[in-house]
Amino acid sequence: MNFFSEPAVTAFGSLKPSDPSFVREWDNITLKWNYTIDGSIALAQFFNATDDSTIAGKFGDGDVNVASDYQERFRADISNTLAQLTILAVQISDRGSYKFLVTSSKFDTISDTVELKVQCK
């Protein structure tokens, strides 16, 4: 019998968007991250790192809220193990850096940034 267990760790898993990620103009893209959390989610957010604006966020067990500037074409889903940011009908102006950040209830924080490259059809 093993009385010692592995300590819980807040870390990304094997599923992260490729960096850079490529999408053709007017196609949809979904950026996905999986992770483990030591505790539960205290805060999780998607950012447009290019202009330092918040796209969507989730506090604790609450709903995911998408900022008004992004509600028309951006969809966000955040659970205790997976986060997804979908951009509908990608436009050239969507190119740039996107960041996902999650903080656990034990104040461990991880983040990842991906560069989105938009290719013209």
N, C-alpha and C. Protein backbone atom coordinates (compact mmCIF):
# COMPACT_ATOMS: atom_id res chain seq x y z
N MET A 1 0.84 -1.17 0.00
CA MET A 1 0.00 0.00 0.00
C MET A 1 0.89 1.24 0.00
N ASN A 2 0.53 2.22 -0.83
CA ASN A 2 1.29 3.45 -0.96
C ASN A 2 0.58 4.56 -0.18
N PHE A 3 1.22 5.05 0.88
CA PHE A 3 0.62 6.11 1.68
C PHE A 3 0.97 7.50 1.16
N PHE A 4 1.87 7.55 0.19
CA PHE A 4 2.30 8.82 -0.36
C PHE A 4 1.67 9.00 -1.74
N SER A 5 1.05 10.12 -1.93
CA SER A 5 0.49 10.40 -3.24
C SER A 5 1.24 11.57 -3.86
N GLU A 6 1.13 11.66 -5.15
CA GLU A 6 1.77 12.77 -5.85
C GLU A 6 1.09 14.07 -5.43
N PRO A 7 1.85 15.11 -5.17
CA PRO A 7 1.22 16.39 -4.82
C PRO A 7 0.47 16.94 -6.03
N ALA A 8 -0.65 17.59 -5.79
CA ALA A 8 -1.40 18.21 -6.87
C ALA A 8 -0.57 19.37 -7.42
N VAL A 9 -0.61 19.53 -8.71
CA VAL A 9 0.18 20.56 -9.37
C VAL A 9 -0.71 21.29 -10.37
N THR A 10 -0.59 22.60 -10.44
CA THR A 10 -1.25 23.38 -11.47
C THR A 10 -0.29 23.47 -12.65
N ALA A 11 -0.67 22.82 -13.75
CA ALA A 11 0.23 22.77 -14.91
C ALA A 11 -0.58 22.49 -16.18
N PHE A 12 -0.02 22.90 -17.30
CA PHE A 12 -0.63 22.58 -18.59
C PHE A 12 -0.39 21.12 -18.91
N GLY A 13 -1.34 20.52 -19.62
CA GLY A 13 -1.19 19.16 -20.10
C GLY A 13 -0.60 19.15 -21.49
N SER A 14 -0.89 18.11 -22.24
CA SER A 14 -0.30 17.94 -23.57
C SER A 14 -1.04 18.70 -24.65
N LEU A 15 -2.25 19.19 -24.37
CA LEU A 15 -3.04 19.90 -25.38
C LEU A 15 -2.87 21.40 -25.22
N LYS A 16 -2.13 21.99 -26.16
CA LYS A 16 -1.96 23.44 -26.24
C LYS A 16 -1.95 23.80 -27.71
N PRO A 17 -2.38 25.01 -28.06
CA PRO A 17 -2.34 25.41 -29.47
C PRO A 17 -0.90 25.46 -29.98
N SER A 18 -0.73 25.16 -31.25
CA SER A 18 0.60 25.31 -31.82
C SER A 18 0.93 26.81 -31.87
N ASP A 19 2.19 27.11 -31.74
CA ASP A 19 2.63 28.51 -31.73
C ASP A 19 3.73 28.70 -32.76
N PRO A 20 3.45 29.37 -33.85
CA PRO A 20 2.20 30.08 -34.14
C PRO A 20 1.10 29.12 -34.61
N SER A 21 -0.14 29.62 -34.53
CA SER A 21 -1.30 28.90 -35.09
C SER A 21 -1.73 29.64 -36.35
N PHE A 22 -2.08 28.87 -37.35
CA PHE A 22 -2.46 29.46 -38.65
C PHE A 22 -3.93 29.20 -38.93
N VAL A 23 -4.60 30.20 -39.50
CA VAL A 23 -5.99 30.07 -39.90
C VAL A 23 -6.20 30.91 -41.16
N ARG A 24 -7.07 30.41 -42.03
CA ARG A 24 -7.40 31.18 -43.23
C ARG A 24 -8.48 32.20 -42.91
N GLU A 25 -8.37 33.36 -43.51
CA GLU A 25 -9.35 34.41 -43.32
C GLU A 25 -10.76 33.88 -43.60
N TRP A 26 -11.71 34.20 -42.76
CA TRP A 26 -13.13 33.84 -42.79
C TRP A 26 -13.41 32.43 -42.29
N ASP A 27 -12.37 31.63 -41.99
CA ASP A 27 -12.59 30.33 -41.34
C ASP A 27 -12.71 30.55 -39.83
N ASN A 28 -13.22 29.55 -39.13
CA ASN A 28 -13.26 29.57 -37.67
C ASN A 28 -12.02 28.87 -37.14
N ILE A 29 -11.62 29.24 -35.93
CA ILE A 29 -10.51 28.54 -35.26
C ILE A 29 -10.86 28.40 -33.78
N THR A 30 -10.47 27.26 -33.21
CA THR A 30 -10.62 27.04 -31.78
C THR A 30 -9.25 26.74 -31.20
N LEU A 31 -8.83 27.57 -30.25
CA LEU A 31 -7.58 27.38 -29.52
C LEU A 31 -7.92 26.65 -28.23
N LYS A 32 -7.23 25.53 -27.94
CA LYS A 32 -7.56 24.70 -26.79
C LYS A 32 -6.34 24.47 -25.90
N TRP A 33 -6.58 24.53 -24.60
CA TRP A 33 -5.57 24.22 -23.59
C TRP A 33 -6.18 23.24 -22.59
N ASN A 34 -5.42 22.18 -22.23
CA ASN A 34 -5.86 21.37 -21.10
C ASN A 34 -4.84 21.53 -19.98
N TYR A 35 -5.29 21.29 -18.74
CA TYR A 35 -4.45 21.56 -17.58
C TYR A 35 -4.99 20.82 -16.38
N THR A 36 -4.17 20.76 -15.35
CA THR A 36 -4.60 20.27 -14.05
C THR A 36 -4.52 21.45 -13.09
N ILE A 37 -5.39 21.42 -12.11
CA ILE A 37 -5.47 22.52 -11.13
C ILE A 37 -5.27 21.95 -9.73
N ASP A 38 -4.41 22.60 -8.96
CA ASP A 38 -4.26 22.27 -7.54
C ASP A 38 -5.33 23.08 -6.81
N GLY A 39 -6.44 22.44 -6.50
CA GLY A 39 -7.58 23.13 -5.91
C GLY A 39 -8.64 23.31 -6.98
N SER A 40 -9.21 24.48 -7.06
CA SER A 40 -10.20 24.78 -8.08
C SER A 40 -9.81 26.10 -8.74
N ILE A 41 -10.55 26.48 -9.76
CA ILE A 41 -10.26 27.73 -10.48
C ILE A 41 -10.68 28.91 -9.62
N ALA A 42 -9.76 29.80 -9.38
CA ALA A 42 -10.08 31.08 -8.73
C ALA A 42 -10.37 32.13 -9.81
N LEU A 43 -9.56 32.10 -10.88
CA LEU A 43 -9.68 33.05 -11.97
C LEU A 43 -9.09 32.42 -13.22
N ALA A 44 -9.79 32.57 -14.33
CA ALA A 44 -9.26 32.14 -15.63
C ALA A 44 -9.65 33.21 -16.65
N GLN A 45 -8.71 33.57 -17.52
CA GLN A 45 -8.96 34.64 -18.47
C GLN A 45 -8.28 34.38 -19.81
N PHE A 46 -8.94 34.86 -20.87
CA PHE A 46 -8.36 34.94 -22.20
C PHE A 46 -8.08 36.42 -22.46
N PHE A 47 -6.91 36.70 -23.02
CA PHE A 47 -6.52 38.07 -23.35
C PHE A 47 -6.15 38.17 -24.82
N ASN A 48 -6.40 39.32 -25.40
CA ASN A 48 -5.77 39.70 -26.65
C ASN A 48 -4.47 40.37 -26.21
N ALA A 49 -3.38 39.63 -26.25
CA ALA A 49 -2.11 40.14 -25.75
C ALA A 49 -1.52 41.21 -26.64
N THR A 50 -2.01 41.31 -27.87
CA THR A 50 -1.51 42.32 -28.80
C THR A 50 -1.90 43.71 -28.34
N ASP A 51 -3.15 43.88 -27.90
CA ASP A 51 -3.58 45.21 -27.42
C ASP A 51 -3.91 45.20 -25.92
N ASP A 52 -3.55 44.12 -25.23
CA ASP A 52 -3.69 44.00 -23.78
C ASP A 52 -5.14 44.17 -23.31
N SER A 53 -6.08 43.59 -24.06
CA SER A 53 -7.48 43.67 -23.65
C SER A 53 -7.97 42.29 -23.21
N THR A 54 -8.91 42.29 -22.28
CA THR A 54 -9.49 41.04 -21.80
C THR A 54 -10.61 40.62 -22.74
N ILE A 55 -10.54 39.36 -23.20
CA ILE A 55 -11.58 38.82 -24.07
C ILE A 55 -12.68 38.20 -23.24
N ALA A 56 -12.31 37.33 -22.30
CA ALA A 56 -13.30 36.61 -21.50
C ALA A 56 -12.67 36.21 -20.18
N GLY A 57 -13.51 36.02 -19.18
CA GLY A 57 -13.01 35.61 -17.88
C GLY A 57 -14.03 34.81 -17.11
N LYS A 58 -13.53 34.05 -16.16
CA LYS A 58 -14.35 33.24 -15.27
C LYS A 58 -13.78 33.38 -13.87
N PHE A 59 -14.65 33.67 -12.92
CA PHE A 59 -14.24 33.78 -11.52
C PHE A 59 -14.86 32.61 -10.76
N GLY A 60 -14.01 31.78 -10.16
CA GLY A 60 -14.48 30.64 -9.39
C GLY A 60 -15.38 29.74 -10.20
N ASP A 61 -16.52 29.38 -9.63
CA ASP A 61 -17.47 28.49 -10.31
C ASP A 61 -18.47 29.25 -11.17
N GLY A 62 -18.24 30.54 -11.37
CA GLY A 62 -19.19 31.35 -12.13
C GLY A 62 -19.17 31.05 -13.61
N ASP A 63 -20.02 31.73 -14.33
CA ASP A 63 -20.11 31.59 -15.78
C ASP A 63 -18.93 32.30 -16.45
N VAL A 64 -18.66 31.91 -17.67
CA VAL A 64 -17.65 32.60 -18.48
C VAL A 64 -18.31 33.83 -19.08
N ASN A 65 -17.71 34.98 -18.87
CA ASN A 65 -18.23 36.24 -19.40
C ASN A 65 -17.31 36.74 -20.50
N VAL A 66 -17.90 37.01 -21.67
CA VAL A 66 -17.14 37.54 -22.81
C VAL A 66 -17.33 39.05 -22.84
N ALA A 67 -16.23 39.78 -22.97
CA ALA A 67 -16.27 41.25 -23.01
C ALA A 67 -17.11 41.71 -24.20
N SER A 68 -17.80 42.82 -24.04
CA SER A 68 -18.74 43.30 -25.05
C SER A 68 -18.09 43.50 -26.42
N ASP A 69 -16.84 43.95 -26.46
CA ASP A 69 -16.15 44.15 -27.74
C ASP A 69 -15.93 42.85 -28.50
N TYR A 70 -16.03 41.71 -27.82
CA TYR A 70 -15.72 40.42 -28.43
C TYR A 70 -16.94 39.50 -28.56
N GLN A 71 -18.09 39.89 -28.05
CA GLN A 71 -19.24 38.98 -27.99
C GLN A 71 -19.74 38.52 -29.35
N GLU A 72 -19.59 39.32 -30.38
CA GLU A 72 -20.15 38.97 -31.68
C GLU A 72 -19.48 37.74 -32.32
N ARG A 73 -18.16 37.63 -32.21
CA ARG A 73 -17.47 36.55 -32.92
C ARG A 73 -16.59 35.65 -32.06
N PHE A 74 -16.48 35.92 -30.77
CA PHE A 74 -15.62 35.12 -29.90
C PHE A 74 -16.48 34.31 -28.93
N ARG A 75 -16.13 33.03 -28.77
CA ARG A 75 -16.80 32.15 -27.81
C ARG A 75 -15.73 31.58 -26.89
N ALA A 76 -16.03 31.53 -25.61
CA ALA A 76 -15.06 31.02 -24.64
C ALA A 76 -15.74 29.99 -23.75
N ASP A 77 -15.00 28.93 -23.47
CA ASP A 77 -15.47 27.88 -22.56
C ASP A 77 -14.31 27.52 -21.65
N ILE A 78 -14.56 27.52 -20.35
CA ILE A 78 -13.51 27.22 -19.37
C ILE A 78 -14.07 26.26 -18.33
N SER A 79 -13.42 25.11 -18.18
CA SER A 79 -13.79 24.15 -17.14
C SER A 79 -12.59 23.94 -16.22
N ASN A 80 -12.70 23.00 -15.30
CA ASN A 80 -11.58 22.73 -14.39
C ASN A 80 -10.43 22.01 -15.06
N THR A 81 -10.60 21.56 -16.32
CA THR A 81 -9.53 20.83 -17.00
C THR A 81 -9.27 21.30 -18.43
N LEU A 82 -10.16 22.10 -19.02
CA LEU A 82 -10.04 22.47 -20.43
C LEU A 82 -10.55 23.88 -20.65
N ALA A 83 -9.81 24.64 -21.47
CA ALA A 83 -10.25 25.97 -21.88
C ALA A 83 -10.20 26.05 -23.40
N GLN A 84 -11.24 26.67 -23.98
CA GLN A 84 -11.31 26.81 -25.43
C GLN A 84 -11.71 28.24 -25.78
N LEU A 85 -11.01 28.81 -26.74
CA LEU A 85 -11.37 30.11 -27.28
C LEU A 85 -11.61 29.92 -28.77
N THR A 86 -12.83 30.19 -29.21
CA THR A 86 -13.19 30.05 -30.61
C THR A 86 -13.41 31.43 -31.20
N ILE A 87 -12.79 31.66 -32.36
CA ILE A 87 -12.99 32.90 -33.11
C ILE A 87 -13.75 32.52 -34.38
N LEU A 88 -14.91 33.12 -34.56
CA LEU A 88 -15.75 32.84 -35.72
C LEU A 88 -15.43 33.80 -36.86
N ALA A 89 -15.41 33.29 -38.09
CA ALA A 89 -15.15 34.10 -39.27
C ALA A 89 -13.95 35.03 -39.06
N VAL A 90 -12.79 34.40 -38.85
CA VAL A 90 -11.56 35.14 -38.54
C VAL A 90 -11.28 36.20 -39.59
N GLN A 91 -10.90 37.37 -39.11
CA GLN A 91 -10.56 38.49 -39.98
C GLN A 91 -9.07 38.82 -39.81
N ILE A 92 -8.53 39.51 -40.79
CA ILE A 92 -7.12 39.91 -40.74
C ILE A 92 -6.83 40.66 -39.44
N SER A 93 -7.77 41.46 -38.98
CA SER A 93 -7.56 42.24 -37.75
C SER A 93 -7.46 41.35 -36.50
N ASP A 94 -7.80 40.07 -36.61
CA ASP A 94 -7.70 39.14 -35.47
C ASP A 94 -6.29 38.60 -35.28
N ARG A 95 -5.40 38.85 -36.23
CA ARG A 95 -4.04 38.34 -36.09
C ARG A 95 -3.39 38.99 -34.88
N GLY A 96 -2.49 38.25 -34.25
CA GLY A 96 -1.79 38.77 -33.08
C GLY A 96 -1.63 37.71 -32.02
N SER A 97 -1.35 38.12 -30.81
CA SER A 97 -1.09 37.20 -29.71
C SER A 97 -2.32 37.05 -28.82
N TYR A 98 -2.59 35.80 -28.43
CA TYR A 98 -3.68 35.47 -27.52
C TYR A 98 -3.11 34.73 -26.33
N LYS A 99 -3.55 35.12 -25.14
CA LYS A 99 -3.00 34.56 -23.91
C LYS A 99 -4.12 33.94 -23.09
N PHE A 100 -3.83 32.76 -22.53
CA PHE A 100 -4.73 32.14 -21.57
C PHE A 100 -4.01 32.08 -20.23
N LEU A 101 -4.70 32.49 -19.16
CA LEU A 101 -4.12 32.50 -17.83
C LEU A 101 -5.13 31.87 -16.87
N VAL A 102 -4.64 30.99 -15.99
CA VAL A 102 -5.51 30.40 -14.98
C VAL A 102 -4.79 30.45 -13.63
N THR A 103 -5.54 30.83 -12.60
CA THR A 103 -5.03 30.88 -11.23
C THR A 103 -5.89 29.94 -10.39
N SER A 104 -5.23 29.09 -9.63
CA SER A 104 -5.96 28.13 -8.79
C SER A 104 -6.36 28.79 -7.47
N SER A 105 -7.24 28.12 -6.76
CA SER A 105 -7.66 28.61 -5.44
C SER A 105 -6.50 28.61 -4.44
N LYS A 106 -5.40 27.92 -4.79
CA LYS A 106 -4.20 27.94 -3.94
C LYS A 106 -3.17 28.93 -4.47
N PHE A 107 -3.61 29.81 -5.37
CA PHE A 107 -2.82 30.93 -5.91
C PHE A 107 -1.67 30.50 -6.82
N ASP A 108 -1.72 29.29 -7.37
CA ASP A 108 -0.77 28.89 -8.41
C ASP A 108 -1.29 29.45 -9.73
N THR A 109 -0.42 30.06 -10.51
CA THR A 109 -0.83 30.66 -11.78
C THR A 109 0.02 30.09 -12.91
N ILE A 110 -0.65 29.75 -14.01
CA ILE A 110 0.04 29.36 -15.24
C ILE A 110 -0.55 30.17 -16.38
N SER A 111 0.25 30.41 -17.41
CA SER A 111 -0.24 31.12 -18.57
C SER A 111 0.50 30.64 -19.81
N ASP A 112 -0.15 30.83 -20.94
CA ASP A 112 0.44 30.45 -22.22
C ASP A 112 -0.03 31.47 -23.26
N THR A 113 0.86 31.83 -24.16
CA THR A 113 0.55 32.78 -25.22
C THR A 113 0.81 32.13 -26.56
N VAL A 114 -0.09 32.37 -27.51
CA VAL A 114 0.05 31.83 -28.85
C VAL A 114 -0.13 32.96 -29.85
N GLU A 115 0.67 32.93 -30.89
CA GLU A 115 0.58 33.91 -31.98
C GLU A 115 -0.35 33.36 -33.04
N LEU A 116 -1.38 34.14 -33.41
CA LEU A 116 -2.33 33.73 -34.45
C LEU A 116 -1.95 34.43 -35.76
N LYS A 117 -1.70 33.64 -36.77
CA LYS A 117 -1.36 34.14 -38.10
C LYS A 117 -2.57 33.92 -39.00
N VAL A 118 -3.06 34.96 -39.65
CA VAL A 118 -4.22 34.87 -40.51
C VAL A 118 -3.75 34.93 -41.96
N GLN A 119 -4.13 33.90 -42.71
CA GLN A 119 -3.74 33.81 -44.11
C GLN A 119 -4.91 34.22 -44.99
N CYS A 120 -4.64 35.09 -45.97
CA CYS A 120 -5.68 35.53 -46.89
C CYS A 120 -6.01 34.40 -47.86
N LYS A 121 -7.29 34.29 -48.19
CA LYS A 121 -7.71 33.26 -49.16
C LYS A 121 -7.34 33.70 -50.56
